[in-house]
PDB file of N, CA and C in Angstrom:
ATOM      1  N   UNK A   1       1.108  -1.235  -0.181  1.00  0.00           N
ATOM      2  CA  UNK A   1      -0.084  -0.141   0.121  1.00  0.00           C
ATOM      3  C   UNK A   1       0.758   1.172   0.154  1.00  0.00           C
ATOM      4  N   UNK A   2       1.964   1.109   0.632  1.00  0.00           N
ATOM      5  CA  UNK A   2       2.847   2.324   0.826  1.00  0.00           C
ATOM      6  C   UNK A   2       3.301   2.749  -0.826  1.00  0.00           C
ATOM      7  N   UNK A   3       3.831   2.018  -1.469  1.00  0.00           N
ATOM      8  CA  UNK A   3       4.122   2.337  -3.064  1.00  0.00           C
ATOM      9  C   UNK A   3       3.137   2.889  -3.614  1.00  0.00           C
ATOM     10  N   UNK A   4       1.957   2.494  -3.504  1.00  0.00           N
ATOM     11  CA  UNK A   4       0.682   3.255  -3.999  1.00  0.00           C
ATOM     12  C   UNK A   4       0.496   4.613  -3.534  1.00  0.00           C
ATOM     13  N   UNK A   5       0.626   4.916  -2.113  1.00  0.00           N
ATOM     14  CA  UNK A   5       0.322   6.169  -1.691  1.00  0.00           C
ATOM     15  C   UNK A   5       1.371   7.144  -2.207  1.00  0.00           C
ATOM     16  N   UNK A   6       2.680   6.394  -2.164  1.00  0.00           N
ATOM     17  CA  UNK A   6       4.153   7.093  -2.397  1.00  0.00           C
ATOM     18  C   UNK A   6       3.803   7.873  -4.065  1.00  0.00           C
ATOM     19  N   UNK A   7       3.262   6.854  -4.838  1.00  0.00           N
ATOM     20  CA  UNK A   7       3.115   7.003  -6.211  1.00  0.00           C
ATOM     21  C   UNK A   7       1.973   8.195  -6.482  1.00  0.00           C
ATOM     22  N   UNK A   8       1.163   8.245  -5.600  1.00  0.00           N
ATOM     23  CA  UNK A   8      -0.165   9.309  -5.675  1.00  0.00           C
ATOM     24  C   UNK A   8       0.406  10.515  -5.110  1.00  0.00           C
ATOM     25  N   UNK A   9       1.376  10.424  -4.126  1.00  0.00           N
ATOM     26  CA  UNK A   9       1.998  11.932  -3.589  1.00  0.00           C
ATOM     27  C   UNK A   9       2.874  12.234  -4.744  1.00  0.00           C
ATOM     28  N   UNK A  10       3.763  11.463  -5.356  1.00  0.00           N
ATOM     29  CA  UNK A  10       4.441  12.019  -6.241  1.00  0.00           C
ATOM     30  C   UNK A  10       3.680  12.452  -7.374  1.00  0.00           C
ATOM     31  N   UNK A  11       2.697  12.117  -8.113  1.00  0.00           N
ATOM     32  CA  UNK A  11       1.808  12.671  -8.893  1.00  0.00           C
ATOM     33  C   UNK A  11       1.187  13.737  -8.640  1.00  0.00           C
ATOM     34  N   UNK A  12       0.824  13.957  -7.352  1.00  0.00           N
ATOM     35  CA  UNK A  12       0.163  15.322  -6.709  1.00  0.00           C
ATOM     36  C   UNK A  12       0.934  16.340  -6.692  1.00  0.00           C
ATOM     37  N   UNK A  13       2.575  16.007  -6.292  1.00  0.00           N
ATOM     38  CA  UNK A  13       3.422  17.195  -6.010  1.00  0.00           C
ATOM     39  C   UNK A  13       3.962  17.666  -7.310  1.00  0.00           C
ATOM     40  N   UNK A  14       3.891  16.542  -8.478  1.00  0.00           N
ATOM     41  CA  UNK A  14       4.342  16.950  -9.788  1.00  0.00           C
ATOM     42  C   UNK A  14       3.405  17.809 -10.443  1.00  0.00           C
ATOM     43  N   UNK A  15       2.008  17.519 -10.425  1.00  0.00           N
ATOM     44  CA  UNK A  15       1.119  18.185 -10.678  1.00  0.00           C
ATOM     45  C   UNK A  15       1.194  19.573 -10.345  1.00  0.00           C
ATOM     46  N   UNK A  16       1.478  19.862  -8.868  1.00  0.00           N
ATOM     47  CA  UNK A  16       1.102  21.248  -8.343  1.00  0.00           C
ATOM     48  C   UNK A  16       2.705  21.967  -8.993  1.00  0.00           C
ATOM     49  N   UNK A  17       3.784  21.213  -9.337  1.00  0.00           N
ATOM     50  CA  UNK A  17       5.007  21.929  -9.952  1.00  0.00           C
ATOM     51  C   UNK A  17       4.519  22.265 -11.469  1.00  0.00           C
ATOM     52  N   UNK A  18       4.021  21.531 -12.120  1.00  0.00           N
ATOM     53  CA  UNK A  18       3.004  21.850 -13.560  1.00  0.00           C
ATOM     54  C   UNK A  18       2.594  23.176 -13.545  1.00  0.00           C
ATOM     55  N   UNK A  19       1.557  23.091 -12.423  1.00  0.00           N
ATOM     56  CA  UNK A  19       0.774  24.544 -12.411  1.00  0.00           C
ATOM     57  C   UNK A  19       1.560  25.593 -12.044  1.00  0.00           C
ATOM     58  N   UNK A  20       2.302  25.497 -11.050  1.00  0.00           N
ATOM     59  CA  UNK A  20       3.305  26.803 -10.639  1.00  0.00           C
ATOM     60  C   UNK A  20       4.068  27.100 -11.961  1.00  0.00           C
ATOM     61  N   UNK A  21       4.543  26.181 -12.774  1.00  0.00           N
ATOM     62  CA  UNK A  21       5.573  26.356 -13.979  1.00  0.00           C
ATOM     63  C   UNK A  21       4.712  27.174 -14.842  1.00  0.00           C
ATOM     64  N   UNK A  22       3.397  26.828 -15.127  1.00  0.00           N
ATOM     65  CA  UNK A  22       2.443  27.580 -15.952  1.00  0.00           C
ATOM     66  C   UNK A  22       2.129  28.975 -15.519  1.00  0.00           C
ATOM     67  N   UNK A  23       2.084  29.024 -14.058  1.00  0.00           N
ATOM     68  CA  UNK A  23       1.978  30.548 -13.792  1.00  0.00           C
ATOM     69  C   UNK A  23       2.896  31.404 -13.945  1.00  0.00           C
ATOM     70  N   UNK A  24       4.273  30.636 -13.812  1.00  0.00           N
ATOM     71  CA  UNK A  24       5.354  31.249 -13.719  1.00  0.00           C
ATOM     72  C   UNK A  24       5.557  32.107 -15.451  1.00  0.00           C
ATOM     73  N   UNK A  25       5.249  31.068 -16.224  1.00  0.00           N
ATOM     74  CA  UNK A  25       5.182  31.194 -17.627  1.00  0.00           C
ATOM     75  C   UNK A  25       4.458  32.534 -17.852  1.00  0.00           C
ATOM     76  N   UNK A  26       3.235  32.439 -17.367  1.00  0.00           N
ATOM     77  CA  UNK A  26       2.241  33.624 -17.567  1.00  0.00           C
ATOM     78  C   UNK A  26       2.681  34.950 -17.055  1.00  0.00           C
ATOM     79  N   UNK A  27       3.110  34.986 -15.769  1.00  0.00           N
ATOM     80  CA  UNK A  27       3.489  36.132 -15.032  1.00  0.00           C
ATOM     81  C   UNK A  27       4.775  36.485 -15.146  1.00  0.00           C
ATOM     82  N   UNK A  28       5.775  35.606 -15.205  1.00  0.00           N
ATOM     83  CA  UNK A  28       7.252  35.860 -15.031  1.00  0.00           C
ATOM     84  C   UNK A  28       7.773  36.036 -13.910  1.00  0.00           C
ATOM     85  N   UNK A  29       6.806  35.808 -12.725  1.00  0.00           N
ATOM     86  CA  UNK A  29       7.372  36.040 -11.199  1.00  0.00           C
ATOM     87  C   UNK A  29       7.865  34.999 -10.909  1.00  0.00           C
ATOM     88  N   UNK A  30       9.000  35.035 -10.356  1.00  0.00           N
ATOM     89  CA  UNK A  30      10.162  34.271  -9.964  1.00  0.00           C
ATOM     90  C   UNK A  30       9.622  33.353  -8.697  1.00  0.00           C
ATOM     91  N   UNK A  31       8.897  33.882  -7.846  1.00  0.00           N
ATOM     92  CA  UNK A  31       8.217  33.115  -6.935  1.00  0.00           C
ATOM     93  C   UNK A  31       7.424  31.842  -7.230  1.00  0.00           C
ATOM     94  N   UNK A  32       6.870  32.058  -8.237  1.00  0.00           N
ATOM     95  CA  UNK A  32       6.393  30.757  -8.804  1.00  0.00           C
ATOM     96  C   UNK A  32       7.411  29.746  -9.327  1.00  0.00           C
ATOM     97  N   UNK A  33       8.244  30.292 -10.049  1.00  0.00           N
ATOM     98  CA  UNK A  33       9.476  29.187 -10.472  1.00  0.00           C
ATOM     99  C   UNK A  33      10.093  28.535  -9.276  1.00  0.00           C
ATOM    100  N   UNK A  34      10.186  29.295  -8.134  1.00  0.00           N
ATOM    101  CA  UNK A  34      10.994  28.679  -6.895  1.00  0.00           C
ATOM    102  C   UNK A  34       9.748  27.595  -6.470  1.00  0.00           C
ATOM    103  N   UNK A  35       8.549  27.881  -6.422  1.00  0.00           N
ATOM    104  CA  UNK A  35       7.487  26.958  -5.805  1.00  0.00           C
ATOM    105  C   UNK A  35       7.402  25.987  -6.840  1.00  0.00           C
ATOM    106  N   UNK A  36       7.527  25.971  -8.389  1.00  0.00           N
ATOM    107  CA  UNK A  36       7.702  24.761  -9.087  1.00  0.00           C
ATOM    108  C   UNK A  36       8.747  24.131  -8.832  1.00  0.00           C
ATOM    109  N   UNK A  37       9.966  24.554  -8.630  1.00  0.00           N
ATOM    110  CA  UNK A  37      11.234  23.780  -8.549  1.00  0.00           C
ATOM    111  C   UNK A  37      11.134  22.931  -6.944  1.00  0.00           C
ATOM    112  N   UNK A  38      10.419  23.613  -6.173  1.00  0.00           N
ATOM    113  CA  UNK A  38      10.217  22.935  -4.728  1.00  0.00           C
ATOM    114  C   UNK A  38       9.411  21.796  -5.006  1.00  0.00           C
ATOM    115  N   UNK A  39       8.336  21.899  -5.596  1.00  0.00           N
ATOM    116  CA  UNK A  39       7.316  20.789  -5.765  1.00  0.00           C
ATOM    117  C   UNK A  39       8.018  19.548  -6.660  1.00  0.00           C
ATOM    118  N   UNK A  40       8.607  20.189  -7.609  1.00  0.00           N
ATOM    119  CA  UNK A  40       9.358  18.990  -8.358  1.00  0.00           C
ATOM    120  C   UNK A  40      10.534  18.166  -7.445  1.00  0.00           C
ATOM    121  N   UNK A  41      11.150  18.936  -6.652  1.00  0.00           N
ATOM    122  CA  UNK A  41      12.083  18.266  -5.852  1.00  0.00           C
ATOM    123  C   UNK A  41      10.985  17.183  -4.740  1.00  0.00           C
ATOM    124  N   UNK A  42       9.998  17.871  -4.334  1.00  0.00           N
ATOM    125  CA  UNK A  42       9.240  16.828  -3.292  1.00  0.00           C
ATOM    126  C   UNK A  42       8.709  15.808  -4.148  1.00  0.00           C
ATOM    127  N   UNK A  43       8.241  15.994  -5.702  1.00  0.00           N
ATOM    128  CA  UNK A  43       7.663  14.779  -6.221  1.00  0.00           C
ATOM    129  C   UNK A  43       9.105  13.691  -6.507  1.00  0.00           C
ATOM    130  N   UNK A  44      10.068  13.959  -6.597  1.00  0.00           N
ATOM    131  CA  UNK A  44      11.381  13.319  -6.851  1.00  0.00           C
ATOM    132  C   UNK A  44      11.510  12.478  -5.247  1.00  0.00           C
ATOM    133  N   UNK A  45      11.400  13.104  -4.399  1.00  0.00           N
ATOM    134  CA  UNK A  45      11.330  12.635  -2.966  1.00  0.00           C
ATOM    135  C   UNK A  45      10.272  11.471  -2.971  1.00  0.00           C
ATOM    136  N   UNK A  46       8.966  11.898  -3.194  1.00  0.00           N
ATOM    137  CA  UNK A  46       8.080  10.801  -3.017  1.00  0.00           C
ATOM    138  C   UNK A  46       8.398   9.650  -3.910  1.00  0.00           C
ATOM    139  N   UNK A  47       8.699   9.772  -4.880  1.00  0.00           N
ATOM    140  CA  UNK A  47       8.961   9.097  -6.220  1.00  0.00           C
ATOM    141  C   UNK A  47      10.095   7.965  -5.831  1.00  0.00           C
ATOM    142  N   UNK A  48      11.074   8.688  -5.101  1.00  0.00           N
ATOM    143  CA  UNK A  48      12.310   7.517  -4.570  1.00  0.00           C
ATOM    144  C   UNK A  48      11.878   6.479  -3.392  1.00  0.00           C
ATOM    145  N   UNK A  49      10.896   7.345  -2.446  1.00  0.00           N
ATOM    146  CA  UNK A  49      10.161   6.502  -1.476  1.00  0.00           C
ATOM    147  C   UNK A  49       9.107   5.532  -2.031  1.00  0.00           C
ATOM    148  N   UNK A  50       8.657   5.741  -3.043  1.00  0.00           N
ATOM    149  CA  UNK A  50       7.763   4.611  -3.660  1.00  0.00           C
ATOM    150  C   UNK A  50       8.600   3.746  -4.220  1.00  0.00           C
ATOM    151  N   UNK A  51       9.542   3.805  -5.009  1.00  0.00           N
ATOM    152  CA  UNK A  51      10.304   3.042  -5.858  1.00  0.00           C
ATOM    153  C   UNK A  51      11.210   2.238  -4.825  1.00  0.00           C
ATOM    154  N   UNK A  52      11.750   2.791  -3.700  1.00  0.00           N
ATOM    155  CA  UNK A  52      12.587   2.219  -2.703  1.00  0.00           C
ATOM    156  C   UNK A  52      12.012   1.934  -1.506  1.00  0.00           C
ATOM    157  N   UNK A  53      11.064   0.874  -1.221  1.00  0.00           N
ATOM    158  CA  UNK A  53      10.372   0.605  -0.017  1.00  0.00           C
ATOM    159  C   UNK A  53      11.431   0.668   1.202  1.00  0.00           C
ATOM    160  N   UNK A  54      12.771   0.204   0.972  1.00  0.00           N
ATOM    161  CA  UNK A  54      13.617  -0.178   1.951  1.00  0.00           C
ATOM    162  C   UNK A  54      14.124   1.215   2.806  1.00  0.00           C
ATOM    163  N   UNK A  55      14.033   2.407   1.845  1.00  0.00           N
ATOM    164  CA  UNK A  55      14.227   3.445   2.452  1.00  0.00           C
ATOM    165  C   UNK A  55      13.545   4.078   3.343  1.00  0.00           C
ATOM    166  N   UNK A  56      13.848   4.721   4.555  1.00  0.00           N
ATOM    167  CA  UNK A  56      13.053   5.238   5.414  1.00  0.00           C
ATOM    168  C   UNK A  56      13.031   6.773   5.365  1.00  0.00           C
ATOM    169  N   UNK A  57      12.102   7.319   5.805  1.00  0.00           N
ATOM    170  CA  UNK A  57      11.801   8.759   5.712  1.00  0.00           C
ATOM    171  C   UNK A  57      13.162   9.398   6.542  1.00  0.00           C
ATOM    172  N   UNK A  58      13.653   8.943   7.259  1.00  0.00           N
ATOM    173  CA  UNK A  58      14.780   9.511   7.937  1.00  0.00           C
ATOM    174  C   UNK A  58      16.259   9.196   7.434  1.00  0.00           C
ATOM    175  N   UNK A  59      16.095   8.554   6.197  1.00  0.00           N
ATOM    176  CA  UNK A  59      17.505   8.308   5.367  1.00  0.00           C
ATOM    177  C   UNK A  59      17.963   9.726   4.902  1.00  0.00           C
ATOM    178  N   UNK A  60      19.274   9.915   5.082  1.00  0.00           N
ATOM    179  CA  UNK A  60      19.808  11.362   4.750  1.00  0.00           C
ATOM    180  C   UNK A  60      19.342  11.745   3.428  1.00  0.00           C
ATOM    181  N   UNK A  61      19.607  10.921   2.234  1.00  0.00           N
ATOM    182  CA  UNK A  61      19.032  11.615   1.092  1.00  0.00           C
ATOM    183  C   UNK A  61      17.449  12.009   0.705  1.00  0.00           C
ATOM    184  N   UNK A  62      16.774  11.173   1.485  1.00  0.00           N
ATOM    185  CA  UNK A  62      15.238  11.602   1.356  1.00  0.00           C
ATOM    186  C   UNK A  62      15.196  12.959   2.266  1.00  0.00           C
ATOM    187  N   UNK A  63      16.110  13.047   3.393  1.00  0.00           N
ATOM    188  CA  UNK A  63      15.927  14.406   4.181  1.00  0.00           C
ATOM    189  C   UNK A  63      16.451  15.606   3.512  1.00  0.00           C
ATOM    190  N   UNK A  64      17.675  15.396   2.690  1.00  0.00           N
ATOM    191  CA  UNK A  64      18.221  16.311   1.820  1.00  0.00           C
ATOM    192  C   UNK A  64      17.187  16.644   1.033  1.00  0.00           C
ATOM    193  N   UNK A  65      16.600  15.833   0.260  1.00  0.00           N
ATOM    194  CA  UNK A  65      15.641  16.369  -0.917  1.00  0.00           C
ATOM    195  C   UNK A  65      14.558  17.248  -0.326  1.00  0.00           C
ATOM    196  N   UNK A  66      14.144  17.105   0.786  1.00  0.00           N
ATOM    197  CA  UNK A  66      12.996  17.476   1.428  1.00  0.00           C
ATOM    198  C   UNK A  66      13.519  19.081   2.059  1.00  0.00           C
ATOM    199  N   UNK A  67      14.935  18.960   2.542  1.00  0.00           N
ATOM    200  CA  UNK A  67      15.173  20.212   3.011  1.00  0.00           C
ATOM    201  C   UNK A  67      15.723  21.150   1.972  1.00  0.00           C
ATOM    202  N   UNK A  68      16.097  20.499   0.664  1.00  0.00           N
ATOM    203  CA  UNK A  68      16.268  21.487  -0.503  1.00  0.00           C
ATOM    204  C   UNK A  68      14.902  21.983  -0.834  1.00  0.00           C
ATOM    205  N   UNK A  69      13.875  21.393  -0.972  1.00  0.00           N
ATOM    206  CA  UNK A  69      12.401  21.616  -1.542  1.00  0.00           C
ATOM    207  C   UNK A  69      12.046  22.914  -0.512  1.00  0.00           C
ATOM    208  N   UNK A  70      12.201  22.899   0.956  1.00  0.00           N
ATOM    209  CA  UNK A  70      11.765  23.864   1.876  1.00  0.00           C
ATOM    210  C   UNK A  70      12.605  25.299   1.803  1.00  0.00           C
ATOM    211  N   UNK A  71      13.890  25.069   1.533  1.00  0.00           N
ATOM    212  CA  UNK A  71      15.010  26.134   1.131  1.00  0.00           C
ATOM    213  C   UNK A  71      14.525  26.807   0.115  1.00  0.00           C
ATOM    214  N   UNK A  72      14.281  26.070  -0.848  1.00  0.00           N
ATOM    215  CA  UNK A  72      13.773  26.691  -2.130  1.00  0.00           C
ATOM    216  C   UNK A  72      12.459  27.727  -2.047  1.00  0.00           C
ATOM    217  N   UNK A  73      11.451  27.152  -1.271  1.00  0.00           N
ATOM    218  CA  UNK A  73      10.204  28.087  -0.878  1.00  0.00           C
ATOM    219  C   UNK A  73      10.716  29.231  -0.021  1.00  0.00           C
ATOM    220  N   UNK A  74      11.716  29.031   0.895  1.00  0.00           N
ATOM    221  CA  UNK A  74      12.187  30.192   1.987  1.00  0.00           C
ATOM    222  C   UNK A  74      12.913  31.181   0.859  1.00  0.00           C
ATOM    223  N   UNK A  75      13.735  30.804   0.012  1.00  0.00           N
ATOM    224  CA  UNK A  75      14.363  31.753  -0.860  1.00  0.00           C
ATOM    225  C   UNK A  75      13.540  32.454  -1.890  1.00  0.00           C
ATOM    226  N   UNK A  76      12.559  31.772  -2.402  1.00  0.00           N
ATOM    227  CA  UNK A  76      11.441  32.510  -3.093  1.00  0.00           C
ATOM    228  C   UNK A  76      10.774  33.421  -2.397  1.00  0.00           C
ATOM    229  N   UNK A  77      10.396  33.111  -1.197  1.00  0.00           N
ATOM    230  CA  UNK A  77       9.523  34.222  -0.291  1.00  0.00           C
ATOM    231  C   UNK A  77      10.403  35.244  -0.032  1.00  0.00           C
ATOM    232  N   UNK A  78      11.803  35.181   0.136  1.00  0.00           N
ATOM    233  CA  UNK A  78      12.486  36.096   0.622  1.00  0.00           C
ATOM    234  C   UNK A  78      12.803  37.017  -0.610  1.00  0.00           C
ATOM    235  N   UNK A  79      13.117  36.355  -1.613  1.00  0.00           N
ATOM    236  CA  UNK A  79      12.977  37.320  -2.899  1.00  0.00           C
ATOM    237  C   UNK A  79      12.043  38.115  -3.337  1.00  0.00           C
ATOM    238  N   UNK A  80      10.952  37.604  -3.280  1.00  0.00           N
ATOM    239  CA  UNK A  80       9.806  38.359  -3.527  1.00  0.00           C
ATOM    240  C   UNK A  80       9.569  39.510  -2.507  1.00  0.00           C
ATOM    241  N   UNK A  81       9.659  39.458  -1.377  1.00  0.00           N
ATOM    242  CA  UNK A  81       9.520  40.397  -0.273  1.00  0.00           C
ATOM    243  C   UNK A  81      10.723  41.482  -0.436  1.00  0.00           C
ATOM    244  N   UNK A  82      12.051  40.988  -1.052  1.00  0.00           N
ATOM    245  CA  UNK A  82      12.996  41.998  -1.218  1.00  0.00           C
ATOM    246  C   UNK A  82      12.722  42.840  -2.579  1.00  0.00           C
ATOM    247  N   UNK A  83      12.121  42.133  -3.440  1.00  0.00           N
ATOM    248  CA  UNK A  83      11.835  42.939  -4.856  1.00  0.00           C
ATOM    249  C   UNK A  83      10.690  43.874  -4.563  1.00  0.00           C
ATOM    250  N   UNK A  84       9.696  43.511  -3.697  1.00  0.00           N
ATOM    251  CA  UNK A  84       8.425  44.296  -3.257  1.00  0.00           C
ATOM    252  C   UNK A  84       8.974  45.496  -2.534  1.00  0.00           C
ATOM    253  N   UNK A  85       9.861  45.283  -1.737  1.00  0.00           N
ATOM    254  CA  UNK A  85      10.401  46.290  -0.912  1.00  0.00           C
ATOM    255  C   UNK A  85      11.227  47.490  -1.488  1.00  0.00           C
ATOM    256  N   UNK A  86      11.855  46.962  -2.570  1.00  0.00           N
ATOM    257  CA  UNK A  86      12.673  47.867  -3.407  1.00  0.00           C
ATOM    258  C   UNK A  86      11.603  48.672  -4.203  1.00  0.00           C
ATOM    259  N   UNK A  87      10.583  48.003  -4.883  1.00  0.00           N
ATOM    260  CA  UNK A  87       9.841  48.863  -5.725  1.00  0.00           C
ATOM    261  C   UNK A  87       8.859  49.825  -4.964  1.00  0.00           C
ATOM    262  N   UNK A  88       8.683  49.302  -3.736  1.00  0.00           N
ATOM    263  CA  UNK A  88       7.972  50.354  -2.913  1.00  0.00           C
ATOM    264  C   UNK A  88       8.750  51.691  -2.602  1.00  0.00           C
ATOM    265  N   UNK A  89      10.349  51.478  -2.346  1.00  0.00           N
ATOM    266  CA  UNK A  89      11.107  52.642  -2.083  1.00  0.00           C
ATOM    267  C   UNK A  89      11.337  53.157  -3.217  1.00  0.00           C
ATOM    268  N   UNK A  90      11.130  52.745  -4.252  1.00  0.00           N
ATOM    269  CA  UNK A  90      11.470  53.637  -5.644  1.00  0.00           C
ATOM    270  C   UNK A  90      10.183  54.533  -5.883  1.00  0.00           C
ATOM    271  N   UNK A  91       9.016  53.838  -5.347  1.00  0.00           N
ATOM    272  CA  UNK A  91       7.739  54.787  -5.485  1.00  0.00           C
ATOM    273  C   UNK A  91       7.933  56.011  -4.787  1.00  0.00           C
ATOM    274  N   UNK A  92       8.168  55.663  -3.381  1.00  0.00           N
ATOM    275  CA  UNK A  92       8.293  56.808  -2.511  1.00  0.00           C
ATOM    276  C   UNK A  92       9.202  57.834  -2.851  1.00  0.00           C
ATOM    277  N   UNK A  93      10.368  57.505  -3.550  1.00  0.00           N
ATOM    278  CA  UNK A  93      11.346  58.523  -3.871  1.00  0.00           C
ATOM    279  C   UNK A  93      11.168  59.142  -5.305  1.00  0.00           C
ATOM    280  N   UNK A  94       9.879  58.669  -5.882  1.00  0.00           N
ATOM    281  CA  UNK A  94       9.582  59.323  -7.459  1.00  0.00           C
ATOM    282  C   UNK A  94      10.071  58.441  -8.349  1.00  0.00           C
ATOM    283  N   UNK A  95      10.931  57.375  -8.123  1.00  0.00           N
ATOM    284  CA  UNK A  95      11.486  56.634  -9.149  1.00  0.00           C
ATOM    285  C   UNK A  95      10.467  55.550  -9.854  1.00  0.00           C
ATOM    286  N   UNK A  96      10.068  55.491 -10.979  1.00  0.00           N
ATOM    287  CA  UNK A  96       9.267  54.574 -11.358  1.00  0.00           C
ATOM    288  C   UNK A  96       9.965  53.940 -12.342  1.00  0.00           C
TER     289      UNK A  96
END
């Protein structure tokens, strides 16, 4: 049963990645690109766990993939906030 659930989770996270990629193509907002990469990384994580049932979730490879996915989300949010604050500062100083 675990490989089936792992495959379903891999498919769901891959689908989320595809949606974020599509949003990025339309808006060119880097936050969507970071989310796309993050969900693709999580899809690889779930796919690896589904294909190798001997791996536990505490395995360092699994942990590092998840860590990378969440670091990508953090980088995307920080990047978005920095870009927003810079554009706000430009507006306050009259630079458009």
